[in-house]
Each structure stands twice: as structure tokens, then as C-alpha cells.
Amino acid sequence: MWRDAAALASGGKLKGAVHVSRGMLEFRADPESPYYNPAFQKDKTVLVYCASGGRSALSGKTLKDLGYRSVFNSGGFKELADGGARHGAGV
């Protein structure tokens, strides 16, 4: 969910994932923000991932700090995609 634009374009994302860059997370996940994305729901489970797992760990902490209750770091995209979860590039 947190891959940068170049990585997203070249490798895709997991099926059903909502792409949000790390720099925009607070804006997209905060219901009080004019940039809020309603795909973010504090009562739903959120799985975060990035290229290697580092940014997703920071993103998970940020979401917890914003009041999201069920947040899990799924780690790096390559390992997840190698398991068959990849959707199309740029989708």
C-alpha cells in the first residue's frame, strides 16, 4: 500500500490495495483532512506493505497513532508478490 510511484509503475500492487505514498498517509487516513480517502476505516483491518518493509513499519505506527485499531505490517512487496498476490502494474 505504500510503494512510491516508480515502484508501483514497474511492479504493480497487491490486488485490492489502495496506493498511498508514505508522505501522504496522514492526509489520506485522517477523516478530518480534505484529502481523506474513505477507503481508510478505523474499524477495519489495515495491512501495510512497501518495497522492503521499512516504510510500512513506520506507516503502521502512524496509523496506530491516528486511532486505527487493527494494523499489520505485511513487509516487503517482492515476497508478497512472489506468493502470487500481484495485480497489474499501475492498477
N, C-alpha and C. Protein backbone atom coordinates (compact mmCIF):
# COMPACT_ATOMS: atom_id res chain seq x y z
N MET A 1 0.79 -1.18 0.00
CA MET A 1 0.00 0.00 0.00
C MET A 1 0.85 1.26 0.00
N TRP A 2 2.13 1.19 0.27
CA TRP A 2 2.92 2.41 0.44
C TRP A 2 4.06 2.53 -0.55
N ARG A 3 4.01 1.89 -1.68
CA ARG A 3 5.12 1.96 -2.61
C ARG A 3 5.14 3.30 -3.34
N ASP A 4 6.35 3.78 -3.70
CA ASP A 4 6.43 5.04 -4.42
C ASP A 4 5.97 4.84 -5.86
N ALA A 5 5.74 5.94 -6.59
CA ALA A 5 5.16 5.89 -7.93
C ALA A 5 5.99 5.07 -8.90
N ALA A 6 7.31 5.19 -8.86
CA ALA A 6 8.16 4.44 -9.79
C ALA A 6 8.07 2.94 -9.52
N ALA A 7 8.08 2.56 -8.26
CA ALA A 7 7.97 1.14 -7.93
C ALA A 7 6.59 0.60 -8.29
N LEU A 8 5.58 1.39 -8.09
CA LEU A 8 4.22 0.99 -8.44
C LEU A 8 4.09 0.77 -9.94
N ALA A 9 4.63 1.70 -10.73
CA ALA A 9 4.54 1.60 -12.18
C ALA A 9 5.29 0.39 -12.72
N SER A 10 6.43 0.06 -12.13
CA SER A 10 7.23 -1.04 -12.66
C SER A 10 6.81 -2.40 -12.13
N GLY A 11 6.21 -2.45 -10.95
CA GLY A 11 5.92 -3.76 -10.37
C GLY A 11 4.49 -4.03 -9.99
N GLY A 12 3.63 -3.02 -10.04
CA GLY A 12 2.24 -3.22 -9.69
C GLY A 12 2.00 -3.11 -8.19
N LYS A 13 0.88 -3.65 -7.78
CA LYS A 13 0.49 -3.64 -6.37
C LYS A 13 -0.31 -4.89 -6.08
N LEU A 14 -0.58 -5.13 -4.84
CA LEU A 14 -1.38 -6.28 -4.47
C LEU A 14 -2.84 -6.03 -4.83
N LYS A 15 -3.52 -7.05 -5.24
CA LYS A 15 -4.93 -6.95 -5.61
C LYS A 15 -5.73 -6.39 -4.44
N GLY A 16 -6.52 -5.37 -4.72
CA GLY A 16 -7.35 -4.75 -3.70
C GLY A 16 -6.67 -3.68 -2.87
N ALA A 17 -5.38 -3.47 -3.10
CA ALA A 17 -4.64 -2.48 -2.31
C ALA A 17 -4.98 -1.06 -2.75
N VAL A 18 -4.90 -0.16 -1.81
CA VAL A 18 -5.06 1.27 -2.06
C VAL A 18 -3.67 1.88 -2.00
N HIS A 19 -3.23 2.51 -3.09
CA HIS A 19 -1.89 3.08 -3.11
C HIS A 19 -1.89 4.44 -2.42
N VAL A 20 -1.04 4.57 -1.42
CA VAL A 20 -0.84 5.85 -0.73
C VAL A 20 0.65 5.98 -0.45
N SER A 21 1.24 7.06 -0.93
CA SER A 21 2.66 7.26 -0.64
C SER A 21 2.84 7.57 0.84
N ARG A 22 4.00 7.26 1.38
CA ARG A 22 4.26 7.49 2.80
C ARG A 22 4.08 8.95 3.17
N GLY A 23 4.44 9.85 2.29
CA GLY A 23 4.32 11.27 2.56
C GLY A 23 2.89 11.78 2.64
N MET A 24 1.95 11.04 2.09
CA MET A 24 0.55 11.46 2.10
C MET A 24 -0.32 10.67 3.09
N LEU A 25 0.26 9.72 3.77
CA LEU A 25 -0.53 8.83 4.63
C LEU A 25 -1.38 9.57 5.65
N GLU A 26 -0.80 10.49 6.38
CA GLU A 26 -1.54 11.21 7.42
C GLU A 26 -2.74 11.95 6.83
N PHE A 27 -2.58 12.49 5.62
CA PHE A 27 -3.66 13.22 4.97
C PHE A 27 -4.77 12.28 4.49
N ARG A 28 -4.37 11.15 3.92
CA ARG A 28 -5.34 10.19 3.37
C ARG A 28 -6.09 9.42 4.46
N ALA A 29 -5.44 9.19 5.59
CA ALA A 29 -6.03 8.35 6.64
C ALA A 29 -6.77 9.12 7.72
N ASP A 30 -6.67 10.45 7.70
CA ASP A 30 -7.32 11.28 8.72
C ASP A 30 -8.67 11.77 8.20
N PRO A 31 -9.78 11.32 8.82
CA PRO A 31 -11.11 11.74 8.35
C PRO A 31 -11.34 13.25 8.38
N GLU A 32 -10.55 13.97 9.15
CA GLU A 32 -10.69 15.43 9.23
C GLU A 32 -9.95 16.16 8.11
N SER A 33 -9.14 15.44 7.34
CA SER A 33 -8.35 16.04 6.28
C SER A 33 -9.18 16.20 5.01
N PRO A 34 -8.98 17.29 4.27
CA PRO A 34 -9.69 17.43 2.98
C PRO A 34 -9.19 16.41 1.95
N TYR A 35 -8.07 15.74 2.22
CA TYR A 35 -7.51 14.73 1.32
C TYR A 35 -7.85 13.31 1.75
N TYR A 36 -8.72 13.18 2.72
CA TYR A 36 -9.09 11.87 3.28
C TYR A 36 -9.60 10.93 2.19
N ASN A 37 -9.16 9.68 2.26
CA ASN A 37 -9.63 8.63 1.37
C ASN A 37 -10.56 7.72 2.17
N PRO A 38 -11.84 7.66 1.82
CA PRO A 38 -12.79 6.87 2.60
C PRO A 38 -12.51 5.37 2.60
N ALA A 39 -11.53 4.92 1.81
CA ALA A 39 -11.13 3.51 1.88
C ALA A 39 -10.53 3.20 3.26
N PHE A 40 -10.04 4.24 3.93
CA PHE A 40 -9.49 4.08 5.28
C PHE A 40 -10.63 4.14 6.29
N GLN A 41 -10.80 3.05 7.03
CA GLN A 41 -11.83 2.96 8.06
C GLN A 41 -11.17 2.45 9.32
N LYS A 42 -11.30 3.21 10.41
CA LYS A 42 -10.61 2.86 11.65
C LYS A 42 -11.07 1.55 12.25
N ASP A 43 -12.26 1.09 11.90
CA ASP A 43 -12.76 -0.16 12.46
C ASP A 43 -12.44 -1.37 11.59
N LYS A 44 -11.73 -1.17 10.48
CA LYS A 44 -11.34 -2.27 9.58
C LYS A 44 -9.88 -2.62 9.79
N THR A 45 -9.52 -3.84 9.44
CA THR A 45 -8.13 -4.26 9.49
C THR A 45 -7.38 -3.64 8.31
N VAL A 46 -6.19 -3.10 8.59
CA VAL A 46 -5.35 -2.48 7.56
C VAL A 46 -4.03 -3.26 7.50
N LEU A 47 -3.68 -3.70 6.30
CA LEU A 47 -2.39 -4.34 6.05
C LEU A 47 -1.54 -3.34 5.28
N VAL A 48 -0.34 -3.09 5.75
CA VAL A 48 0.55 -2.16 5.06
C VAL A 48 1.75 -2.92 4.52
N TYR A 49 2.26 -2.45 3.38
CA TYR A 49 3.48 -3.03 2.81
C TYR A 49 4.18 -1.96 2.00
N CYS A 50 5.45 -2.17 1.76
CA CYS A 50 6.26 -1.28 0.91
C CYS A 50 7.26 -2.16 0.18
N ALA A 51 8.28 -1.57 -0.37
CA ALA A 51 9.26 -2.36 -1.13
C ALA A 51 9.99 -3.37 -0.25
N SER A 52 10.45 -2.92 0.92
CA SER A 52 11.26 -3.81 1.76
C SER A 52 10.69 -4.05 3.15
N GLY A 53 9.72 -3.26 3.58
CA GLY A 53 9.13 -3.42 4.89
C GLY A 53 9.43 -2.30 5.87
N GLY A 54 10.41 -1.46 5.56
CA GLY A 54 10.79 -0.38 6.47
C GLY A 54 9.76 0.74 6.56
N ARG A 55 9.36 1.26 5.40
CA ARG A 55 8.35 2.33 5.40
C ARG A 55 7.01 1.83 5.91
N SER A 56 6.70 0.56 5.64
CA SER A 56 5.42 0.04 6.12
C SER A 56 5.40 -0.06 7.64
N ALA A 57 6.55 -0.31 8.26
CA ALA A 57 6.61 -0.33 9.73
C ALA A 57 6.30 1.06 10.28
N LEU A 58 6.88 2.09 9.67
CA LEU A 58 6.61 3.47 10.09
C LEU A 58 5.15 3.84 9.82
N SER A 59 4.63 3.38 8.70
CA SER A 59 3.23 3.67 8.35
C SER A 59 2.27 3.01 9.32
N GLY A 60 2.58 1.79 9.71
CA GLY A 60 1.73 1.09 10.69
C GLY A 60 1.68 1.84 12.01
N LYS A 61 2.82 2.35 12.45
CA LYS A 61 2.85 3.12 13.70
C LYS A 61 2.03 4.40 13.56
N THR A 62 2.15 5.05 12.42
CA THR A 62 1.39 6.27 12.18
C THR A 62 -0.11 6.00 12.23
N LEU A 63 -0.54 4.92 11.59
CA LEU A 63 -1.96 4.58 11.60
C LEU A 63 -2.45 4.28 13.02
N LYS A 64 -1.64 3.55 13.77
CA LYS A 64 -2.00 3.28 15.18
C LYS A 64 -2.13 4.60 15.95
N ASP A 65 -1.20 5.51 15.74
CA ASP A 65 -1.24 6.81 16.40
C ASP A 65 -2.48 7.61 16.00
N LEU A 66 -3.01 7.38 14.79
CA LEU A 66 -4.21 8.05 14.32
C LEU A 66 -5.49 7.37 14.80
N GLY A 67 -5.34 6.27 15.54
CA GLY A 67 -6.51 5.61 16.10
C GLY A 67 -6.99 4.36 15.38
N TYR A 68 -6.23 3.90 14.40
CA TYR A 68 -6.58 2.65 13.73
C TYR A 68 -6.24 1.51 14.66
N ARG A 69 -7.17 0.60 14.87
CA ARG A 69 -7.01 -0.43 15.89
C ARG A 69 -6.31 -1.69 15.40
N SER A 70 -6.56 -2.07 14.18
CA SER A 70 -6.06 -3.34 13.68
C SER A 70 -5.17 -3.09 12.46
N VAL A 71 -3.87 -2.93 12.71
CA VAL A 71 -2.90 -2.60 11.66
C VAL A 71 -1.79 -3.64 11.68
N PHE A 72 -1.46 -4.20 10.51
CA PHE A 72 -0.43 -5.22 10.42
C PHE A 72 0.55 -4.87 9.31
N ASN A 73 1.84 -5.04 9.59
CA ASN A 73 2.89 -4.83 8.60
C ASN A 73 3.10 -6.14 7.85
N SER A 74 2.75 -6.13 6.56
CA SER A 74 2.91 -7.33 5.73
C SER A 74 4.31 -7.44 5.14
N GLY A 75 5.15 -6.43 5.37
CA GLY A 75 6.54 -6.50 4.94
C GLY A 75 6.78 -5.99 3.54
N GLY A 76 7.68 -6.68 2.83
CA GLY A 76 8.12 -6.25 1.51
C GLY A 76 7.27 -6.78 0.38
N PHE A 77 7.10 -5.96 -0.64
CA PHE A 77 6.26 -6.30 -1.79
C PHE A 77 6.76 -7.52 -2.55
N LYS A 78 8.06 -7.64 -2.77
CA LYS A 78 8.58 -8.75 -3.57
C LYS A 78 8.18 -10.10 -2.99
N GLU A 79 8.32 -10.24 -1.70
CA GLU A 79 7.97 -11.51 -1.07
C GLU A 79 6.47 -11.78 -1.18
N LEU A 80 5.66 -10.74 -1.03
CA LEU A 80 4.22 -10.91 -1.15
C LEU A 80 3.83 -11.25 -2.59
N ALA A 81 4.41 -10.53 -3.55
CA ALA A 81 4.09 -10.76 -4.96
C ALA A 81 4.56 -12.13 -5.42
N ASP A 82 5.71 -12.58 -4.93
CA ASP A 82 6.22 -13.89 -5.29
C ASP A 82 5.27 -14.98 -4.81
N GLY A 83 4.47 -14.66 -3.82
CA GLY A 83 3.46 -15.60 -3.31
C GLY A 83 2.19 -15.60 -4.14
N GLY A 84 2.15 -14.82 -5.24
CA GLY A 84 1.01 -14.85 -6.14
C GLY A 84 -0.02 -13.76 -5.91
N ALA A 85 0.28 -12.74 -5.12
CA ALA A 85 -0.71 -11.72 -4.80
C ALA A 85 -0.67 -10.50 -5.70
N ARG A 86 0.23 -10.46 -6.67
CA ARG A 86 0.41 -9.27 -7.52
C ARG A 86 -0.80 -9.07 -8.43
N HIS A 87 -1.23 -7.81 -8.57
CA HIS A 87 -2.29 -7.43 -9.52
C HIS A 87 -1.57 -6.83 -10.72
N GLY A 88 -2.04 -5.99 -11.50
CA GLY A 88 -1.33 -5.42 -12.62
C GLY A 88 -0.56 -4.17 -12.27
N ALA A 89 0.45 -3.85 -13.05
CA ALA A 89 1.21 -2.62 -12.81
C ALA A 89 0.29 -1.42 -13.01
N GLY A 90 0.38 -0.48 -12.09
CA GLY A 90 -0.39 0.74 -12.20
C GLY A 90 -1.87 0.60 -11.95
N VAL A 91 -2.30 -0.55 -11.47
CA VAL A 91 -3.73 -0.78 -11.23
C VAL A 91 -4.09 -0.45 -9.82
